[in-house]
Amino acid sequence: MGSVAEWFPADAYPPQARAKSQEGLTVYAVELDPRGRIMRCNVVQSSGSDLLDSTTCTLVISNGRFRPARDAAGKSVAGRYQGSMRWKLVEGPASEE
């Protein structure tokens, strides 16, 4: 529900990862209960940074919202969602002197 981009606010980049210029792609999977609530988040492919990976799952668990999955009869069932977060440092605008 909502936009996945909203799960990762612009100010969510971990300061320690920023200081070390860490970037990368974290692929994650979440397991959902029949109500659409996140039960767990697992890193499927690491960004190469434990901090970026753990922050990804923390943000997904805190901010992710899902509608319940449904079976062929329309009954709510457990589900799974897989997504990714690309952590990329962005330079600020150039200053004119």
Protein backbone atom coordinates (compact mmCIF):
# COMPACT_ATOMS: atom_id res chain seq x y z
CA MET A 1 0.00 0.00 0.00
CA GLY A 2 1.37 3.39 -0.83
CA SER A 3 4.67 3.98 -2.54
CA VAL A 4 7.74 1.89 -1.72
CA ALA A 5 9.80 5.08 -2.11
CA GLU A 6 8.00 6.44 0.97
CA TRP A 7 9.52 3.64 3.04
CA PHE A 8 12.99 5.13 2.52
CA PRO A 9 12.97 8.84 3.42
CA ALA A 10 15.78 11.01 2.07
CA ASP A 11 17.26 11.47 5.55
CA ALA A 12 17.41 7.71 6.25
CA TYR A 13 20.96 7.18 4.92
CA PRO A 14 22.92 5.92 7.93
CA PRO A 15 25.49 8.58 8.94
CA GLN A 16 28.20 5.95 9.52
CA ALA A 17 27.66 4.52 6.03
CA ARG A 18 27.72 8.03 4.57
CA ALA A 19 30.98 8.80 6.38
CA LYS A 20 32.54 5.64 4.90
CA SER A 21 31.09 6.37 1.42
CA GLN A 22 29.24 3.05 1.47
CA GLU A 23 26.80 2.43 -1.39
CA GLY A 24 25.12 -0.62 -2.86
CA LEU A 25 21.98 -2.52 -3.71
CA THR A 26 20.19 -4.45 -0.97
CA VAL A 27 17.64 -7.01 -2.18
CA TYR A 28 15.22 -8.01 0.58
CA ALA A 29 12.25 -10.31 1.05
CA VAL A 30 9.51 -9.96 3.63
CA GLU A 31 7.19 -12.66 4.88
CA LEU A 32 3.65 -11.52 5.58
CA ASP A 33 0.99 -12.98 7.82
CA PRO A 34 -2.60 -13.42 6.55
CA ARG A 35 -3.44 -9.89 7.73
CA GLY A 36 -0.65 -8.40 5.57
CA ARG A 37 1.59 -7.65 8.54
CA ILE A 38 5.33 -8.12 8.16
CA MET A 39 6.57 -11.12 10.12
CA ARG A 40 10.25 -10.92 9.10
CA CYS A 41 12.61 -9.33 6.64
CA ASN A 42 15.58 -11.14 5.15
CA VAL A 43 18.40 -9.84 2.99
CA VAL A 44 18.43 -11.88 -0.22
CA GLN A 45 21.42 -10.06 -1.73
CA SER A 46 23.75 -7.90 0.32
CA SER A 47 24.85 -4.42 -0.65
CA GLY A 48 28.23 -5.29 0.80
CA SER A 49 27.50 -3.19 3.89
CA ASP A 50 25.96 -4.79 6.97
CA LEU A 51 24.77 -1.35 8.07
CA LEU A 52 22.95 -0.60 4.79
CA ASP A 53 21.42 -4.09 4.78
CA SER A 54 20.15 -3.87 8.36
CA THR A 55 18.86 -0.33 7.80
CA THR A 56 16.93 -1.55 4.76
CA CYS A 57 15.07 -4.18 6.78
CA THR A 58 14.53 -1.79 9.69
CA LEU A 59 12.90 0.76 7.37
CA VAL A 60 10.82 -1.86 5.55
CA ILE A 61 9.50 -3.27 8.83
CA SER A 62 8.80 0.23 10.24
CA ASN A 63 7.29 1.80 7.12
CA GLY A 64 6.08 -1.00 4.84
CA ARG A 65 2.36 -1.57 4.55
CA PHE A 66 0.69 -4.42 2.67
CA ARG A 67 -2.79 -5.59 1.85
CA PRO A 68 -3.38 -9.24 2.71
CA ALA A 69 -2.61 -11.76 -0.01
CA ARG A 70 -5.63 -13.74 -1.19
CA ASP A 71 -6.02 -17.29 -2.45
CA ALA A 72 -8.20 -18.26 -5.42
CA ALA A 73 -11.28 -18.29 -3.16
CA GLY A 74 -10.53 -14.78 -1.87
CA LYS A 75 -9.43 -15.93 1.57
CA SER A 76 -6.56 -14.02 3.23
CA VAL A 77 -3.35 -16.05 3.25
CA ALA A 78 0.28 -15.55 4.20
CA GLY A 79 2.36 -13.93 1.48
CA ARG A 80 5.81 -12.82 0.45
CA TYR A 81 7.15 -9.65 -1.13
CA GLN A 82 10.59 -9.06 -2.58
CA GLY A 83 12.06 -5.66 -3.34
CA SER A 84 15.31 -3.75 -3.40
CA MET A 85 16.83 -0.53 -2.15
CA ARG A 86 19.72 1.14 -3.98
CA TRP A 87 21.79 3.12 -1.52
CA LYS A 88 23.55 5.87 -3.48
CA LEU A 89 25.25 8.94 -2.13
CA VAL A 90 24.21 12.11 -3.91
CA GLU A 91 26.40 15.15 -3.99
CA GLY A 92 24.79 18.43 -3.08
CA PRO A 93 24.46 21.29 -5.53
CA ALA A 94 27.70 22.96 -6.54
CA SER A 95 28.30 26.20 -4.73
CA GLU A 96 29.29 29.29 -6.64
CA GLU A 97 32.07 31.40 -5.27
